């Protein structure tokens, strides 16, 4: 796994971010060399004055050529990162469920087809 972390004006510790990213190990194999994680934290974006008071957390994960991307805005940088982590966990869980469900359906179809030959 390769983690890229960039932050502007936040003063957040990289170890804190790595602990948050470690939670994704439930859904993807983080020890694989083809896993790329990019985390960006920043303050203020856009033309809106209220946006200057918000922190933005962006997480992008690339696994086997598939990209997963989430963003979250909040007044507290830790809360923004936590919200983005929760959203990414939801996205990864859905992708894993689809992958597992497809494998189960394929296995069931093969059992039905092979079961016909046994009779």
Protein backbone atom coordinates (compact mmCIF):
# COMPACT_ATOMS: atom_id res chain seq x y z
CA UNK A 1 0.00 0.00 0.00
CA UNK A 2 1.20 3.45 -0.86
CA UNK A 3 -0.24 6.38 1.13
CA UNK A 4 0.06 9.95 -0.11
CA UNK A 5 -0.87 12.56 2.46
CA UNK A 6 -1.04 16.28 1.81
CA UNK A 7 -2.32 18.96 4.10
CA UNK A 8 -2.44 22.72 4.09
CA UNK A 9 -2.77 24.76 7.27
CA UNK A 10 -4.12 21.88 9.33
CA UNK A 11 -1.24 20.64 11.47
CA UNK A 12 -2.69 17.13 11.58
CA UNK A 13 -0.39 14.21 12.35
CA UNK A 14 0.34 11.69 9.59
CA UNK A 15 0.09 8.82 12.10
CA UNK A 16 -3.51 9.87 12.84
CA UNK A 17 -4.31 9.64 9.12
CA UNK A 18 -2.62 6.23 8.82
CA UNK A 19 -4.75 4.90 11.68
CA UNK A 20 -7.88 6.10 9.91
CA UNK A 21 -6.78 4.49 6.63
CA UNK A 22 -6.06 1.20 8.42
CA UNK A 23 -9.81 0.81 8.99
CA UNK A 24 -10.22 0.13 5.25
CA UNK A 25 -8.39 -3.18 5.71
CA UNK A 26 -11.74 -4.79 6.44
CA UNK A 27 -12.78 -4.30 2.81
CA UNK A 28 -9.57 -4.35 0.77
CA UNK A 29 -6.15 -5.96 1.11
CA UNK A 30 -3.97 -3.06 2.22
CA UNK A 31 -0.79 -5.11 1.99
CA UNK A 32 -1.14 -5.46 -1.79
CA UNK A 33 1.39 -3.38 -3.75
CA UNK A 34 -1.23 -2.09 -6.20
CA UNK A 35 -3.27 -0.24 -3.54
CA UNK A 36 -2.86 3.55 -3.62
CA UNK A 37 -4.41 5.84 -1.02
CA UNK A 38 -4.37 9.63 -1.33
CA UNK A 39 -5.61 11.78 1.54
CA UNK A 40 -5.87 15.57 1.23
CA UNK A 41 -6.84 17.92 4.02
CA UNK A 42 -7.29 21.62 3.51
CA UNK A 43 -9.14 24.68 4.68
CA UNK A 44 -11.35 26.90 2.59
CA UNK A 45 -12.36 26.37 -0.99
CA UNK A 46 -14.67 27.91 -3.50
CA UNK A 47 -16.11 31.41 -3.65
CA UNK A 48 -18.45 31.10 -0.69
CA UNK A 49 -17.41 32.99 2.45
CA UNK A 50 -18.75 30.25 4.68
CA UNK A 51 -16.49 27.78 2.87
CA UNK A 52 -13.44 29.56 4.31
CA UNK A 53 -14.45 28.35 7.78
CA UNK A 54 -14.71 24.69 6.73
CA UNK A 55 -12.10 21.98 6.46
CA UNK A 56 -12.28 19.63 3.51
CA UNK A 57 -11.09 16.02 3.61
CA UNK A 58 -10.68 14.11 0.35
CA UNK A 59 -9.83 10.42 0.15
CA UNK A 60 -9.06 8.61 -3.10
CA UNK A 61 -8.30 4.89 -3.19
CA UNK A 62 -7.17 3.04 -6.30
CA UNK A 63 -7.36 -0.75 -6.20
CA UNK A 64 -6.77 -2.91 -9.29
CA UNK A 65 -7.54 0.02 -11.59
CA UNK A 66 -10.78 0.99 -9.82
CA UNK A 67 -11.00 4.44 -8.23
CA UNK A 68 -13.04 5.25 -5.14
CA UNK A 69 -13.34 8.92 -4.17
CA UNK A 70 -15.13 10.74 -1.33
CA UNK A 71 -15.07 14.23 0.16
CA UNK A 72 -16.39 15.69 3.40
CA UNK A 73 -16.61 19.25 4.75
CA UNK A 74 -16.83 20.21 8.41
CA UNK A 75 -15.79 23.01 10.76
CA UNK A 76 -13.43 20.64 12.62
CA UNK A 77 -10.64 18.95 10.65
CA UNK A 78 -10.83 15.72 12.67
CA UNK A 79 -14.58 15.53 12.12
CA UNK A 80 -14.12 16.14 8.37
CA UNK A 81 -11.61 13.30 8.18
CA UNK A 82 -13.87 11.01 10.24
CA UNK A 83 -16.83 11.79 7.97
CA UNK A 84 -14.77 11.05 4.86
CA UNK A 85 -13.51 7.81 6.43
CA UNK A 86 -17.06 6.69 7.24
CA UNK A 87 -18.24 7.50 3.72
CA UNK A 88 -15.28 5.65 2.18
CA UNK A 89 -16.00 2.64 4.40
CA UNK A 90 -19.56 2.65 3.10
CA UNK A 91 -18.39 2.84 -0.53
CA UNK A 92 -15.82 0.05 -0.07
CA UNK A 93 -18.31 -2.15 1.79
CA UNK A 94 -20.79 -1.80 -1.05
CA UNK A 95 -18.14 -2.68 -3.63
CA UNK A 96 -17.09 -5.73 -1.62
CA UNK A 97 -20.71 -6.87 -1.20
CA UNK A 98 -21.26 -6.62 -4.96
CA UNK A 99 -18.08 -8.58 -5.65
CA UNK A 100 -18.98 -11.33 -3.14
CA UNK A 101 -22.59 -11.52 -4.31
CA UNK A 102 -21.48 -11.94 -7.93
CA UNK A 103 -19.16 -14.79 -6.93
CA UNK A 104 -21.94 -16.49 -4.96
CA UNK A 105 -24.39 -16.24 -7.86
CA UNK A 106 -21.80 -17.69 -10.22
CA UNK A 107 -21.09 -20.56 -7.84
CA UNK A 108 -24.82 -21.30 -7.48
CA UNK A 109 -25.30 -21.34 -11.24
CA UNK A 110 -22.37 -23.74 -11.69
CA UNK A 111 -23.77 -26.10 -9.04
CA UNK A 112 -27.13 -26.14 -10.79
CA UNK A 113 -25.53 -26.85 -14.17
CA UNK A 114 -23.26 -29.59 -12.81
CA UNK A 115 -26.11 -31.06 -10.78
CA UNK A 116 -27.96 -31.86 -14.01
CA UNK A 117 -25.12 -34.03 -15.24
CA UNK A 118 -25.05 -36.11 -12.07
CA UNK A 119 -28.58 -37.44 -12.52
